[in-house]
Amino acid sequence: MTQSVPLIDVPFEFRHICWFCNEPSNCVFEYHASVHTPHSSLAVPACKECLKLAKKSPLTSIWDCQLAVKDGLMRIYAKHLAIGVNWTEQELIDSEFSCKVFEGFKKSAWMMYLIARDRVNATGWPLSLDGVDIDDSDFVVGFEFDGVKYSSLSKAVSHYSQTLGLDRLFFEAILSQVGRQRFSYAVRIARINIASPKRVKQEVVKDIAIEQGTPLAEKTWF
């Protein structure tokens, strides 16, 4: 299968490693830039799980997408991460679990926590294409809207999707086309089409992409 966008430079020590979580990878996530994306289209190595999460939340840049993937991993592995909150490694070793179920937990729990923690904390290596660094100095991790500060654009999307009952994937698809500066516009369009069928929502995103001068080369992802 032909790759439509260039793969980022991969350091030798990171061959076959997921850019999002540092676990072994055998997939590639293609980020198709829109007119508002602060970098060109690019592809990054990804594991199957991170690939699935990234496809759902491309948002407005590969870095926003990266944070959304982290949020997704934290949701999926919330119980594993909670082990490190409720226990220390020594406490697990010293615990007096006796039945087979808890004995198995005692042996594997700390490793499960460490794996989940390291995946969430992974930062990925600096991005470059053909030896040219991709500048991320203008990227702002946090996001502020309507007087409220969020730790990331993904967190703001989650808040408005839950509060207003929006179709999150549709909302994110609009944002990926218009950019974070037009967050209010994306909210408005998502609210107007809150009861629209999926086919109509897909057409809305396609029309917005055409208006932005970057027609979608493939069908929308939601």
N, C-alpha and C. Protein backbone atom coordinates (compact mmCIF):
# COMPACT_ATOMS: atom_id res chain seq x y z
N MET A 1 0.84 -1.18 0.00
CA MET A 1 0.00 0.00 0.00
C MET A 1 0.89 1.25 0.00
N THR A 2 0.61 2.17 -0.92
CA THR A 2 1.41 3.38 -1.06
C THR A 2 1.09 4.37 0.05
N GLN A 3 2.13 4.92 0.63
CA GLN A 3 1.95 5.91 1.70
C GLN A 3 1.79 7.27 1.06
N SER A 4 0.73 7.98 1.40
CA SER A 4 0.41 9.24 0.73
C SER A 4 1.11 10.44 1.33
N VAL A 5 1.60 10.36 2.54
CA VAL A 5 2.32 11.47 3.17
C VAL A 5 3.66 10.96 3.69
N PRO A 6 4.67 11.84 3.80
CA PRO A 6 6.01 11.39 4.20
C PRO A 6 6.10 10.96 5.66
N LEU A 7 6.87 9.93 5.91
CA LEU A 7 7.11 9.45 7.27
C LEU A 7 8.17 10.34 7.92
N ILE A 8 7.96 10.68 9.18
CA ILE A 8 8.95 11.48 9.91
C ILE A 8 10.27 10.71 10.02
N ASP A 9 11.34 11.44 10.26
CA ASP A 9 12.63 10.79 10.48
C ASP A 9 12.56 9.99 11.78
N VAL A 10 13.02 8.76 11.71
CA VAL A 10 12.97 7.87 12.88
C VAL A 10 14.40 7.54 13.32
N PRO A 11 14.82 7.99 14.49
CA PRO A 11 16.16 7.65 14.99
C PRO A 11 16.34 6.14 15.07
N PHE A 12 17.56 5.69 14.89
CA PHE A 12 17.85 4.26 14.86
C PHE A 12 17.31 3.54 16.10
N GLU A 13 17.49 4.17 17.26
CA GLU A 13 17.08 3.51 18.51
C GLU A 13 15.56 3.44 18.68
N PHE A 14 14.82 4.16 17.82
CA PHE A 14 13.36 4.15 17.91
C PHE A 14 12.71 3.40 16.75
N ARG A 15 13.48 2.62 16.03
CA ARG A 15 12.89 1.82 14.96
C ARG A 15 11.80 0.91 15.53
N HIS A 16 10.69 0.84 14.83
CA HIS A 16 9.57 -0.02 15.23
C HIS A 16 9.01 0.36 16.59
N ILE A 17 9.08 1.65 16.95
CA ILE A 17 8.55 2.15 18.21
C ILE A 17 7.44 3.16 17.93
N CYS A 18 6.35 3.08 18.68
CA CYS A 18 5.23 4.00 18.53
C CYS A 18 5.64 5.40 18.99
N TRP A 19 5.40 6.41 18.15
CA TRP A 19 5.76 7.78 18.50
C TRP A 19 4.92 8.29 19.67
N PHE A 20 3.72 7.77 19.82
CA PHE A 20 2.81 8.25 20.86
C PHE A 20 3.14 7.67 22.24
N CYS A 21 3.46 6.36 22.30
CA CYS A 21 3.55 5.72 23.62
C CYS A 21 4.83 4.92 23.87
N ASN A 22 5.74 4.87 22.87
CA ASN A 22 7.02 4.17 23.03
C ASN A 22 6.90 2.65 23.14
N GLU A 23 5.73 2.11 22.82
CA GLU A 23 5.57 0.66 22.76
C GLU A 23 5.92 0.19 21.34
N PRO A 24 6.16 -1.10 21.14
CA PRO A 24 6.44 -1.60 19.79
C PRO A 24 5.31 -1.23 18.82
N SER A 25 5.67 -0.87 17.60
CA SER A 25 4.66 -0.44 16.62
C SER A 25 4.81 -1.23 15.32
N ASN A 26 3.69 -1.42 14.65
CA ASN A 26 3.72 -2.03 13.32
C ASN A 26 2.75 -1.32 12.39
N CYS A 27 2.35 -0.09 12.76
CA CYS A 27 1.41 0.69 11.96
C CYS A 27 1.98 2.10 11.73
N VAL A 28 1.29 2.86 10.89
CA VAL A 28 1.67 4.24 10.63
C VAL A 28 0.41 5.10 10.67
N PHE A 29 0.47 6.20 11.41
CA PHE A 29 -0.64 7.15 11.44
C PHE A 29 -0.32 8.31 10.52
N GLU A 30 -1.19 8.56 9.54
CA GLU A 30 -1.00 9.65 8.60
C GLU A 30 -1.80 10.87 9.05
N TYR A 31 -1.11 11.97 9.28
CA TYR A 31 -1.78 13.22 9.64
C TYR A 31 -1.85 14.10 8.40
N HIS A 32 -3.09 14.32 7.93
CA HIS A 32 -3.31 15.15 6.75
C HIS A 32 -3.57 16.58 7.18
N ALA A 33 -2.65 17.46 6.85
CA ALA A 33 -2.73 18.85 7.29
C ALA A 33 -3.82 19.61 6.54
N SER A 34 -4.48 20.53 7.25
CA SER A 34 -5.42 21.46 6.62
C SER A 34 -4.73 22.81 6.51
N VAL A 35 -5.44 23.80 6.00
CA VAL A 35 -4.83 25.11 5.80
C VAL A 35 -4.41 25.75 7.12
N HIS A 36 -5.05 25.37 8.24
CA HIS A 36 -4.74 25.96 9.55
C HIS A 36 -3.71 25.15 10.34
N THR A 37 -3.31 24.00 9.85
CA THR A 37 -2.35 23.17 10.57
C THR A 37 -0.96 23.80 10.53
N PRO A 38 -0.29 23.93 11.67
CA PRO A 38 1.01 24.62 11.72
C PRO A 38 2.19 23.79 11.21
N HIS A 39 1.90 22.70 10.52
CA HIS A 39 2.96 21.87 9.94
C HIS A 39 2.40 21.17 8.71
N SER A 40 3.26 20.63 7.90
CA SER A 40 2.81 19.93 6.70
C SER A 40 2.28 18.54 7.06
N SER A 41 1.67 17.89 6.10
CA SER A 41 1.19 16.53 6.31
C SER A 41 2.38 15.62 6.62
N LEU A 42 2.16 14.68 7.52
CA LEU A 42 3.25 13.78 7.92
C LEU A 42 2.68 12.48 8.46
N ALA A 43 3.54 11.50 8.58
CA ALA A 43 3.14 10.21 9.13
C ALA A 43 4.08 9.83 10.26
N VAL A 44 3.53 9.22 11.30
CA VAL A 44 4.35 8.80 12.44
C VAL A 44 4.10 7.32 12.73
N PRO A 45 5.13 6.60 13.19
CA PRO A 45 4.94 5.20 13.58
C PRO A 45 3.96 5.12 14.75
N ALA A 46 3.11 4.11 14.75
CA ALA A 46 2.11 3.98 15.81
C ALA A 46 1.78 2.51 16.07
N CYS A 47 1.45 2.21 17.32
CA CYS A 47 0.92 0.88 17.63
C CYS A 47 -0.56 0.88 17.25
N LYS A 48 -1.18 -0.27 17.23
CA LYS A 48 -2.58 -0.37 16.80
C LYS A 48 -3.51 0.44 17.70
N GLU A 49 -3.26 0.40 19.00
CA GLU A 49 -4.14 1.10 19.93
C GLU A 49 -4.04 2.61 19.76
N CYS A 50 -2.82 3.14 19.67
CA CYS A 50 -2.64 4.58 19.49
C CYS A 50 -3.12 5.03 18.11
N LEU A 51 -2.96 4.19 17.11
CA LEU A 51 -3.45 4.50 15.77
C LEU A 51 -4.96 4.72 15.80
N LYS A 52 -5.66 3.84 16.48
CA LYS A 52 -7.12 3.95 16.59
C LYS A 52 -7.52 5.24 17.29
N LEU A 53 -6.83 5.57 18.38
CA LEU A 53 -7.13 6.79 19.13
C LEU A 53 -6.80 8.03 18.31
N ALA A 54 -5.68 8.01 17.60
CA ALA A 54 -5.25 9.17 16.80
C ALA A 54 -6.23 9.44 15.66
N LYS A 55 -6.72 8.39 15.03
CA LYS A 55 -7.67 8.56 13.93
C LYS A 55 -8.96 9.22 14.41
N LYS A 56 -9.33 8.96 15.65
CA LYS A 56 -10.55 9.55 16.20
C LYS A 56 -10.39 11.02 16.53
N SER A 57 -9.16 11.45 16.85
CA SER A 57 -8.95 12.82 17.35
C SER A 57 -7.75 13.50 16.70
N PRO A 58 -7.79 13.75 15.39
CA PRO A 58 -6.67 14.45 14.76
C PRO A 58 -6.54 15.90 15.22
N LEU A 59 -7.69 16.53 15.54
CA LEU A 59 -7.71 17.91 16.03
C LEU A 59 -6.94 18.85 15.10
N THR A 60 -6.18 19.80 15.64
CA THR A 60 -5.63 20.87 14.81
C THR A 60 -4.14 20.76 14.52
N SER A 61 -3.47 19.77 15.11
CA SER A 61 -2.05 19.55 14.84
C SER A 61 -1.66 18.18 15.37
N ILE A 62 -0.51 17.70 14.97
CA ILE A 62 -0.05 16.40 15.46
C ILE A 62 0.17 16.45 16.97
N TRP A 63 0.49 17.63 17.50
CA TRP A 63 0.74 17.74 18.95
C TRP A 63 -0.57 17.73 19.73
N ASP A 64 -1.62 18.39 19.19
CA ASP A 64 -2.94 18.28 19.82
C ASP A 64 -3.42 16.84 19.77
N CYS A 65 -3.18 16.19 18.64
CA CYS A 65 -3.55 14.78 18.48
C CYS A 65 -2.82 13.92 19.50
N GLN A 66 -1.54 14.20 19.70
CA GLN A 66 -0.74 13.44 20.66
C GLN A 66 -1.34 13.54 22.07
N LEU A 67 -1.75 14.74 22.46
CA LEU A 67 -2.35 14.92 23.79
C LEU A 67 -3.69 14.19 23.89
N ALA A 68 -4.45 14.19 22.79
CA ALA A 68 -5.73 13.47 22.79
C ALA A 68 -5.51 11.97 22.94
N VAL A 69 -4.46 11.46 22.31
CA VAL A 69 -4.12 10.03 22.45
C VAL A 69 -3.76 9.73 23.90
N LYS A 70 -3.00 10.64 24.54
CA LYS A 70 -2.66 10.45 25.95
C LYS A 70 -3.92 10.39 26.82
N ASP A 71 -4.86 11.30 26.54
CA ASP A 71 -6.12 11.29 27.28
C ASP A 71 -6.85 9.97 27.09
N GLY A 72 -6.83 9.47 25.85
CA GLY A 72 -7.48 8.20 25.57
C GLY A 72 -6.84 7.05 26.32
N LEU A 73 -5.52 7.02 26.35
CA LEU A 73 -4.81 5.97 27.09
C LEU A 73 -5.11 6.04 28.58
N MET A 74 -5.22 7.26 29.10
CA MET A 74 -5.52 7.42 30.53
C MET A 74 -6.91 6.90 30.86
N ARG A 75 -7.86 7.09 29.94
CA ARG A 75 -9.21 6.56 30.16
C ARG A 75 -9.20 5.03 30.12
N ILE A 76 -8.53 4.49 29.13
CA ILE A 76 -8.51 3.04 28.94
C ILE A 76 -7.82 2.33 30.10
N TYR A 77 -6.73 2.93 30.58
CA TYR A 77 -5.92 2.27 31.62
C TYR A 77 -6.05 2.95 32.98
N ALA A 78 -7.20 3.53 33.23
CA ALA A 78 -7.43 4.23 34.50
C ALA A 78 -7.22 3.30 35.70
N LYS A 79 -7.69 2.05 35.60
CA LYS A 79 -7.54 1.11 36.71
C LYS A 79 -6.07 0.73 36.92
N HIS A 80 -5.33 0.59 35.84
CA HIS A 80 -3.91 0.26 35.96
C HIS A 80 -3.16 1.42 36.61
N LEU A 81 -3.48 2.64 36.19
CA LEU A 81 -2.80 3.81 36.75
C LEU A 81 -3.16 4.01 38.22
N ALA A 82 -4.37 3.59 38.59
CA ALA A 82 -4.81 3.74 39.98
C ALA A 82 -4.00 2.87 40.93
N ILE A 83 -3.39 1.81 40.41
CA ILE A 83 -2.56 0.94 41.25
C ILE A 83 -1.44 1.75 41.89
N GLY A 84 -0.82 2.62 41.09
CA GLY A 84 0.28 3.43 41.60
C GLY A 84 -0.16 4.50 42.58
N VAL A 85 -1.46 4.83 42.55
CA VAL A 85 -2.01 5.80 43.50
C VAL A 85 -2.30 5.12 44.84
N ASN A 86 -2.80 3.90 44.76
CA ASN A 86 -3.25 3.19 45.97
C ASN A 86 -2.18 2.33 46.64
N TRP A 87 -1.12 2.02 45.89
CA TRP A 87 -0.09 1.14 46.43
C TRP A 87 1.30 1.66 46.08
N THR A 88 2.29 1.19 46.84
CA THR A 88 3.69 1.30 46.42
C THR A 88 4.13 -0.11 46.07
N GLU A 89 5.25 -0.22 45.37
CA GLU A 89 5.73 -1.55 45.01
C GLU A 89 5.99 -2.40 46.25
N GLN A 90 6.55 -1.80 47.27
CA GLN A 90 6.86 -2.54 48.49
C GLN A 90 5.60 -2.99 49.21
N GLU A 91 4.58 -2.15 49.20
CA GLU A 91 3.31 -2.52 49.85
C GLU A 91 2.69 -3.73 49.16
N LEU A 92 2.80 -3.79 47.84
CA LEU A 92 2.28 -4.95 47.12
C LEU A 92 3.08 -6.21 47.48
N ILE A 93 4.38 -6.06 47.56
CA ILE A 93 5.23 -7.21 47.92
C ILE A 93 4.89 -7.72 49.32
N ASP A 94 4.64 -6.78 50.23
CA ASP A 94 4.38 -7.14 51.63
C ASP A 94 2.93 -7.52 51.89
N SER A 95 2.05 -7.31 50.90
CA SER A 95 0.63 -7.59 51.12
C SER A 95 0.41 -9.07 51.37
N GLU A 96 -0.65 -9.38 52.08
CA GLU A 96 -0.90 -10.77 52.48
C GLU A 96 -2.06 -11.38 51.71
N PHE A 97 -2.05 -11.18 50.39
CA PHE A 97 -3.06 -11.81 49.55
C PHE A 97 -2.81 -13.31 49.52
N SER A 98 -3.86 -14.08 49.71
CA SER A 98 -3.67 -15.53 49.77
C SER A 98 -4.40 -16.29 48.66
N CYS A 99 -5.62 -15.88 48.31
CA CYS A 99 -6.35 -16.64 47.29
C CYS A 99 -5.67 -16.47 45.93
N LYS A 100 -5.95 -17.37 45.00
CA LYS A 100 -5.26 -17.40 43.71
C LYS A 100 -5.47 -16.11 42.92
N VAL A 101 -6.69 -15.57 42.96
CA VAL A 101 -6.99 -14.35 42.20
C VAL A 101 -6.12 -13.20 42.67
N PHE A 102 -6.08 -12.97 43.96
CA PHE A 102 -5.32 -11.84 44.49
C PHE A 102 -3.81 -12.10 44.44
N GLU A 103 -3.42 -13.36 44.50
CA GLU A 103 -1.99 -13.68 44.39
C GLU A 103 -1.49 -13.30 42.99
N GLY A 104 -2.34 -13.57 41.98
CA GLY A 104 -1.99 -13.18 40.61
C GLY A 104 -1.90 -11.68 40.46
N PHE A 105 -2.83 -10.96 41.10
CA PHE A 105 -2.81 -9.50 41.08
C PHE A 105 -1.53 -8.98 41.72
N LYS A 106 -1.15 -9.58 42.82
CA LYS A 106 0.06 -9.17 43.54
C LYS A 106 1.29 -9.28 42.66
N LYS A 107 1.35 -10.31 41.84
CA LYS A 107 2.53 -10.55 41.01
C LYS A 107 2.59 -9.64 39.79
N SER A 108 1.42 -9.27 39.25
CA SER A 108 1.41 -8.54 37.98
C SER A 108 1.03 -7.07 38.10
N ALA A 109 0.45 -6.66 39.23
CA ALA A 109 -0.12 -5.32 39.35
C ALA A 109 0.90 -4.21 39.11
N TRP A 110 2.06 -4.30 39.75
CA TRP A 110 3.02 -3.21 39.63
C TRP A 110 3.55 -3.07 38.21
N MET A 111 3.74 -4.20 37.53
CA MET A 111 4.19 -4.16 36.14
C MET A 111 3.12 -3.52 35.26
N MET A 112 1.85 -3.84 35.50
CA MET A 112 0.76 -3.23 34.73
C MET A 112 0.75 -1.72 34.92
N TYR A 113 0.97 -1.30 36.16
CA TYR A 113 1.02 0.13 36.45
C TYR A 113 2.18 0.80 35.72
N LEU A 114 3.37 0.20 35.78
CA LEU A 114 4.55 0.80 35.16
C LEU A 114 4.38 0.93 33.65
N ILE A 115 3.81 -0.10 33.02
CA ILE A 115 3.60 -0.05 31.57
C ILE A 115 2.63 1.06 31.21
N ALA A 116 1.50 1.14 31.93
CA ALA A 116 0.51 2.18 31.66
C ALA A 116 1.11 3.57 31.90
N ARG A 117 1.82 3.72 33.01
CA ARG A 117 2.44 5.01 33.34
C ARG A 117 3.42 5.46 32.26
N ASP A 118 4.28 4.55 31.83
CA ASP A 118 5.29 4.91 30.85
C ASP A 118 4.67 5.24 29.49
N ARG A 119 3.59 4.57 29.14
CA ARG A 119 2.93 4.87 27.87
C ARG A 119 2.32 6.26 27.90
N VAL A 120 1.68 6.60 29.01
CA VAL A 120 1.06 7.92 29.15
C VAL A 120 2.12 9.02 29.20
N ASN A 121 3.25 8.75 29.85
CA ASN A 121 4.30 9.75 30.02
C ASN A 121 5.22 9.90 28.81
N ALA A 122 5.15 8.98 27.87
CA ALA A 122 6.03 9.04 26.70
C ALA A 122 5.83 10.35 25.94
N THR A 123 6.91 10.95 25.51
CA THR A 123 6.82 12.25 24.83
C THR A 123 7.07 12.16 23.34
N GLY A 124 7.55 11.02 22.86
CA GLY A 124 7.89 10.95 21.45
C GLY A 124 9.19 11.71 21.18
N TRP A 125 9.85 11.39 20.10
CA TRP A 125 11.09 12.10 19.77
C TRP A 125 10.77 13.35 18.95
N PRO A 126 11.67 14.33 18.91
CA PRO A 126 11.43 15.56 18.14
C PRO A 126 11.14 15.24 16.68
N LEU A 127 10.20 15.95 16.10
CA LEU A 127 9.78 15.68 14.73
C LEU A 127 10.68 16.38 13.72
N SER A 128 10.99 15.65 12.65
CA SER A 128 11.72 16.22 11.53
C SER A 128 11.39 15.42 10.27
N LEU A 129 11.52 16.08 9.13
CA LEU A 129 11.29 15.44 7.84
C LEU A 129 12.52 15.67 6.97
N ASP A 130 13.13 14.60 6.50
CA ASP A 130 14.33 14.71 5.66
C ASP A 130 15.40 15.59 6.29
N GLY A 131 15.56 15.45 7.60
CA GLY A 131 16.60 16.18 8.30
C GLY A 131 16.26 17.60 8.70
N VAL A 132 15.07 18.06 8.33
CA VAL A 132 14.64 19.42 8.68
C VAL A 132 13.69 19.36 9.87
N ASP A 133 14.06 20.01 10.96
CA ASP A 133 13.24 20.00 12.17
C ASP A 133 11.88 20.66 11.93
N ILE A 134 10.84 20.10 12.54
CA ILE A 134 9.51 20.69 12.49
C ILE A 134 9.35 21.53 13.75
N ASP A 135 9.22 22.82 13.57
CA ASP A 135 9.20 23.77 14.68
C ASP A 135 7.90 23.66 15.47
N ASP A 136 8.02 23.41 16.77
CA ASP A 136 6.84 23.34 17.63
C ASP A 136 6.84 24.47 18.67
N SER A 137 7.69 25.47 18.44
CA SER A 137 7.84 26.54 19.44
C SER A 137 6.58 27.38 19.60
N ASP A 138 5.74 27.42 18.57
CA ASP A 138 4.51 28.21 18.65
C ASP A 138 3.33 27.41 19.19
N PHE A 139 3.54 26.11 19.38
CA PHE A 139 2.43 25.28 19.88
C PHE A 139 2.21 25.53 21.37
N VAL A 140 0.97 25.80 21.72
CA VAL A 140 0.59 26.03 23.12
C VAL A 140 -0.15 24.80 23.62
N VAL A 141 0.37 24.19 24.67
CA VAL A 141 -0.24 22.96 25.19
C VAL A 141 -1.65 23.22 25.71
N GLY A 142 -1.82 24.25 26.53
CA GLY A 142 -3.13 24.56 27.09
C GLY A 142 -4.05 25.24 26.08
N PHE A 143 -5.28 25.45 26.50
CA PHE A 143 -6.27 26.10 25.63
C PHE A 143 -7.24 26.89 26.49
N GLU A 144 -7.55 28.09 26.06
CA GLU A 144 -8.48 28.94 26.81
C GLU A 144 -9.64 29.34 25.93
N PHE A 145 -10.85 29.22 26.46
CA PHE A 145 -12.04 29.60 25.71
C PHE A 145 -13.12 30.09 26.67
N ASP A 146 -13.71 31.20 26.33
CA ASP A 146 -14.81 31.77 27.11
C ASP A 146 -14.41 31.97 28.58
N GLY A 147 -13.16 32.37 28.78
CA GLY A 147 -12.69 32.68 30.13
C GLY A 147 -12.26 31.49 30.96
N VAL A 148 -12.32 30.29 30.37
CA VAL A 148 -11.94 29.08 31.10
C VAL A 148 -10.66 28.50 30.50
N LYS A 149 -9.71 28.14 31.34
CA LYS A 149 -8.45 27.56 30.89
C LYS A 149 -8.49 26.04 31.02
N TYR A 150 -8.12 25.36 29.95
CA TYR A 150 -8.08 23.89 29.92
C TYR A 150 -6.63 23.44 29.74
N SER A 151 -6.32 22.27 30.25
CA SER A 151 -4.94 21.77 30.16
C SER A 151 -4.55 21.42 28.73
N SER A 152 -5.56 21.17 27.88
CA SER A 152 -5.29 20.86 26.47
C SER A 152 -6.55 21.12 25.66
N LEU A 153 -6.41 21.20 24.35
CA LEU A 153 -7.57 21.34 23.47
C LEU A 153 -8.48 20.13 23.61
N SER A 154 -7.89 18.97 23.77
CA SER A 154 -8.67 17.74 23.94
C SER A 154 -9.58 17.81 25.16
N LYS A 155 -9.08 18.39 26.26
CA LYS A 155 -9.89 18.53 27.48
C LYS A 155 -11.06 19.48 27.23
N ALA A 156 -10.83 20.56 26.48
CA ALA A 156 -11.91 21.50 26.16
C ALA A 156 -12.97 20.82 25.30
N VAL A 157 -12.52 20.02 24.35
CA VAL A 157 -13.45 19.28 23.49
C VAL A 157 -14.29 18.32 24.33
N SER A 158 -13.66 17.62 25.25
CA SER A 158 -14.38 16.69 26.13
C SER A 158 -15.43 17.43 26.95
N HIS A 159 -15.04 18.57 27.50
CA HIS A 159 -15.96 19.35 28.34
C HIS A 159 -17.19 19.78 27.56
N TYR A 160 -17.00 20.36 26.39
CA TYR A 160 -18.14 20.86 25.62
C TYR A 160 -18.96 19.72 25.02
N SER A 161 -18.31 18.64 24.66
CA SER A 161 -19.05 17.49 24.14
C SER A 161 -19.99 16.92 25.20
N GLN A 162 -19.49 16.82 26.43
CA GLN A 162 -20.29 16.28 27.53
C GLN A 162 -21.36 17.27 27.99
N THR A 163 -20.98 18.54 28.13
CA THR A 163 -21.91 19.54 28.64
C THR A 163 -23.06 19.81 27.68
N LEU A 164 -22.75 19.89 26.39
CA LEU A 164 -23.77 20.23 25.39
C LEU A 164 -24.32 19.02 24.65
N GLY A 165 -23.81 17.85 24.96
CA GLY A 165 -24.30 16.64 24.30
C GLY A 165 -23.92 16.57 22.83
N LEU A 166 -22.72 17.08 22.49
CA LEU A 166 -22.29 17.11 21.10
C LEU A 166 -21.71 15.77 20.66
N ASP A 167 -21.78 15.53 19.36
CA ASP A 167 -21.10 14.38 18.76
C ASP A 167 -19.61 14.72 18.72
N ARG A 168 -18.84 14.12 19.60
CA ARG A 168 -17.43 14.49 19.75
C ARG A 168 -16.64 14.33 18.46
N LEU A 169 -16.83 13.23 17.77
CA LEU A 169 -16.06 12.98 16.56
C LEU A 169 -16.39 14.02 15.49
N PHE A 170 -17.65 14.39 15.38
CA PHE A 170 -18.08 15.43 14.43
C PHE A 170 -17.47 16.78 14.83
N PHE A 171 -17.54 17.09 16.10
CA PHE A 171 -16.98 18.33 16.64
C PHE A 171 -15.48 18.42 16.32
N GLU A 172 -14.76 17.33 16.57
CA GLU A 172 -13.32 17.31 16.32
C GLU A 172 -13.01 17.41 14.83
N ALA A 173 -13.86 16.81 14.00
CA ALA A 173 -13.64 16.87 12.56
C ALA A 173 -13.76 18.31 12.05
N ILE A 174 -14.71 19.06 12.61
CA ILE A 174 -14.85 20.47 12.25
C ILE A 174 -13.63 21.25 12.70
N LEU A 175 -13.21 21.03 13.94
CA LEU A 175 -12.04 21.73 14.48
C LEU A 175 -10.79 21.48 13.63
N SER A 176 -10.62 20.26 13.17
CA SER A 176 -9.43 19.94 12.39
C SER A 176 -9.37 20.72 11.09
N GLN A 177 -10.55 21.17 10.61
CA GLN A 177 -10.61 21.95 9.38
C GLN A 177 -10.47 23.45 9.60
N VAL A 178 -11.04 23.95 10.70
CA VAL A 178 -11.07 25.41 10.90
C VAL A 178 -10.02 25.92 11.87
N GLY A 179 -9.40 25.04 12.65
CA GLY A 179 -8.36 25.46 13.58
C GLY A 179 -8.90 25.84 14.95
N ARG A 180 -8.04 25.83 15.94
CA ARG A 180 -8.44 26.10 17.33
C ARG A 180 -8.93 27.53 17.52
N GLN A 181 -8.49 28.46 16.64
CA GLN A 181 -8.92 29.85 16.77
C GLN A 181 -10.42 30.01 16.52
N ARG A 182 -11.03 29.06 15.82
CA ARG A 182 -12.47 29.13 15.52
C ARG A 182 -13.23 28.06 16.32
N PHE A 183 -12.83 27.88 17.55
CA PHE A 183 -13.47 26.91 18.43
C PHE A 183 -14.96 27.19 18.58
N SER A 184 -15.32 28.47 18.74
CA SER A 184 -16.74 28.83 18.92
C SER A 184 -17.55 28.48 17.68
N TYR A 185 -16.96 28.65 16.50
CA TYR A 185 -17.64 28.28 15.25
C TYR A 185 -17.88 26.78 15.22
N ALA A 186 -16.88 26.00 15.62
CA ALA A 186 -17.02 24.55 15.63
C ALA A 186 -18.12 24.12 16.60
N VAL A 187 -18.20 24.78 17.76
CA VAL A 187 -19.26 24.48 18.73
C VAL A 187 -20.62 24.78 18.11
N ARG A 188 -20.73 25.92 17.46
CA ARG A 188 -22.01 26.33 16.88
C ARG A 188 -22.48 25.36 15.80
N ILE A 189 -21.58 24.97 14.90
CA ILE A 189 -21.95 24.04 13.84
C ILE A 189 -22.32 22.68 14.41
N ALA A 190 -21.59 22.24 15.43
CA ALA A 190 -21.88 20.94 16.06
C ALA A 190 -23.25 20.98 16.74
N ARG A 191 -23.61 22.11 17.34
CA ARG A 191 -24.91 22.23 18.01
C ARG A 191 -26.05 22.28 17.00
N ILE A 192 -25.84 23.02 15.91
CA ILE A 192 -26.87 23.12 14.88
C ILE A 192 -27.21 21.75 14.31
N ASN A 193 -26.19 20.91 14.18
CA ASN A 193 -26.38 19.59 13.58
C ASN A 193 -26.44 18.47 14.61
N ILE A 194 -26.82 18.81 15.83
CA ILE A 194 -26.78 17.83 16.92
C ILE A 194 -27.67 16.61 16.66
N ALA A 195 -28.76 16.81 15.90
CA ALA A 195 -29.68 15.70 15.62
C ALA A 195 -29.56 15.20 14.19
N SER A 196 -28.60 15.72 13.44
CA SER A 196 -28.44 15.33 12.04
C SER A 196 -27.88 13.91 11.94
N PRO A 197 -28.27 13.17 10.90
CA PRO A 197 -27.70 11.83 10.71
C PRO A 197 -26.23 11.93 10.30
N LYS A 198 -25.54 10.83 10.43
CA LYS A 198 -24.10 10.80 10.16
C LYS A 198 -23.78 11.26 8.74
N ARG A 199 -24.61 10.88 7.78
CA ARG A 199 -24.36 11.24 6.39
C ARG A 199 -24.34 12.75 6.21
N VAL A 200 -25.29 13.44 6.87
CA VAL A 200 -25.36 14.90 6.78
C VAL A 200 -24.13 15.53 7.43
N LYS A 201 -23.73 15.01 8.58
CA LYS A 201 -22.54 15.54 9.27
C LYS A 201 -21.29 15.39 8.41
N GLN A 202 -21.18 14.27 7.73
CA GLN A 202 -20.03 14.06 6.85
C GLN A 202 -20.01 15.08 5.72
N GLU A 203 -21.19 15.37 5.17
CA GLU A 203 -21.28 16.36 4.10
C GLU A 203 -20.92 17.75 4.61
N VAL A 204 -21.32 18.05 5.85
CA VAL A 204 -20.99 19.35 6.45
C VAL A 204 -19.47 19.51 6.53
N VAL A 205 -18.79 18.48 7.02
CA VAL A 205 -17.33 18.55 7.14
C VAL A 205 -16.68 18.69 5.76
N LYS A 206 -17.19 17.96 4.79
CA LYS A 206 -16.64 18.06 3.43
C LYS A 206 -16.82 19.47 2.87
N ASP A 207 -18.00 20.07 3.11
CA ASP A 207 -18.26 21.43 2.62
C ASP A 207 -17.33 22.44 3.30
N ILE A 208 -17.12 22.27 4.60
CA ILE A 208 -16.21 23.17 5.33
C ILE A 208 -14.80 23.04 4.78
N ALA A 209 -14.38 21.82 4.51
CA ALA A 209 -13.03 21.59 3.96
C ALA A 209 -12.87 22.28 2.61
N ILE A 210 -13.90 22.23 1.79
CA ILE A 210 -13.86 22.89 0.48
C ILE A 210 -13.76 24.40 0.66
N GLU A 211 -14.54 24.94 1.61
CA GLU A 211 -14.49 26.38 1.90
C GLU A 211 -13.10 26.81 2.35
N GLN A 212 -12.42 25.92 3.07
CA GLN A 212 -11.07 26.22 3.57
C GLN A 212 -10.00 26.06 2.49
N GLY A 213 -10.42 25.53 1.35
CA GLY A 213 -9.46 25.34 0.26
C GLY A 213 -8.67 24.06 0.33
N THR A 214 -9.12 23.13 1.20
CA THR A 214 -8.42 21.84 1.33
C THR A 214 -9.44 20.70 1.28
N PRO A 215 -10.01 20.44 0.09
CA PRO A 215 -10.99 19.36 -0.03
C PRO A 215 -10.45 18.05 0.50
N LEU A 216 -11.30 17.29 1.17
CA LEU A 216 -10.87 16.01 1.73
C LEU A 216 -10.59 15.01 0.62
N ALA A 217 -9.43 14.38 0.70
CA ALA A 217 -9.03 13.41 -0.32
C ALA A 217 -9.67 12.05 -0.09
N GLU A 218 -10.21 11.85 1.09
CA GLU A 218 -10.84 10.58 1.44
C GLU A 218 -12.06 10.86 2.30
N LYS A 219 -12.89 9.85 2.50
CA LYS A 219 -14.09 10.10 3.28
C LYS A 219 -13.74 10.43 4.72
N THR A 220 -14.61 11.20 5.35
CA THR A 220 -14.34 11.63 6.72
C THR A 220 -14.24 10.42 7.64
N TRP A 221 -13.53 10.58 8.74
CA TRP A 221 -13.13 9.45 9.59
C TRP A 221 -14.13 9.10 10.67
N PHE A 222 -15.21 9.87 10.82
CA PHE A 222 -16.12 9.55 11.91
C PHE A 222 -17.38 8.87 11.37
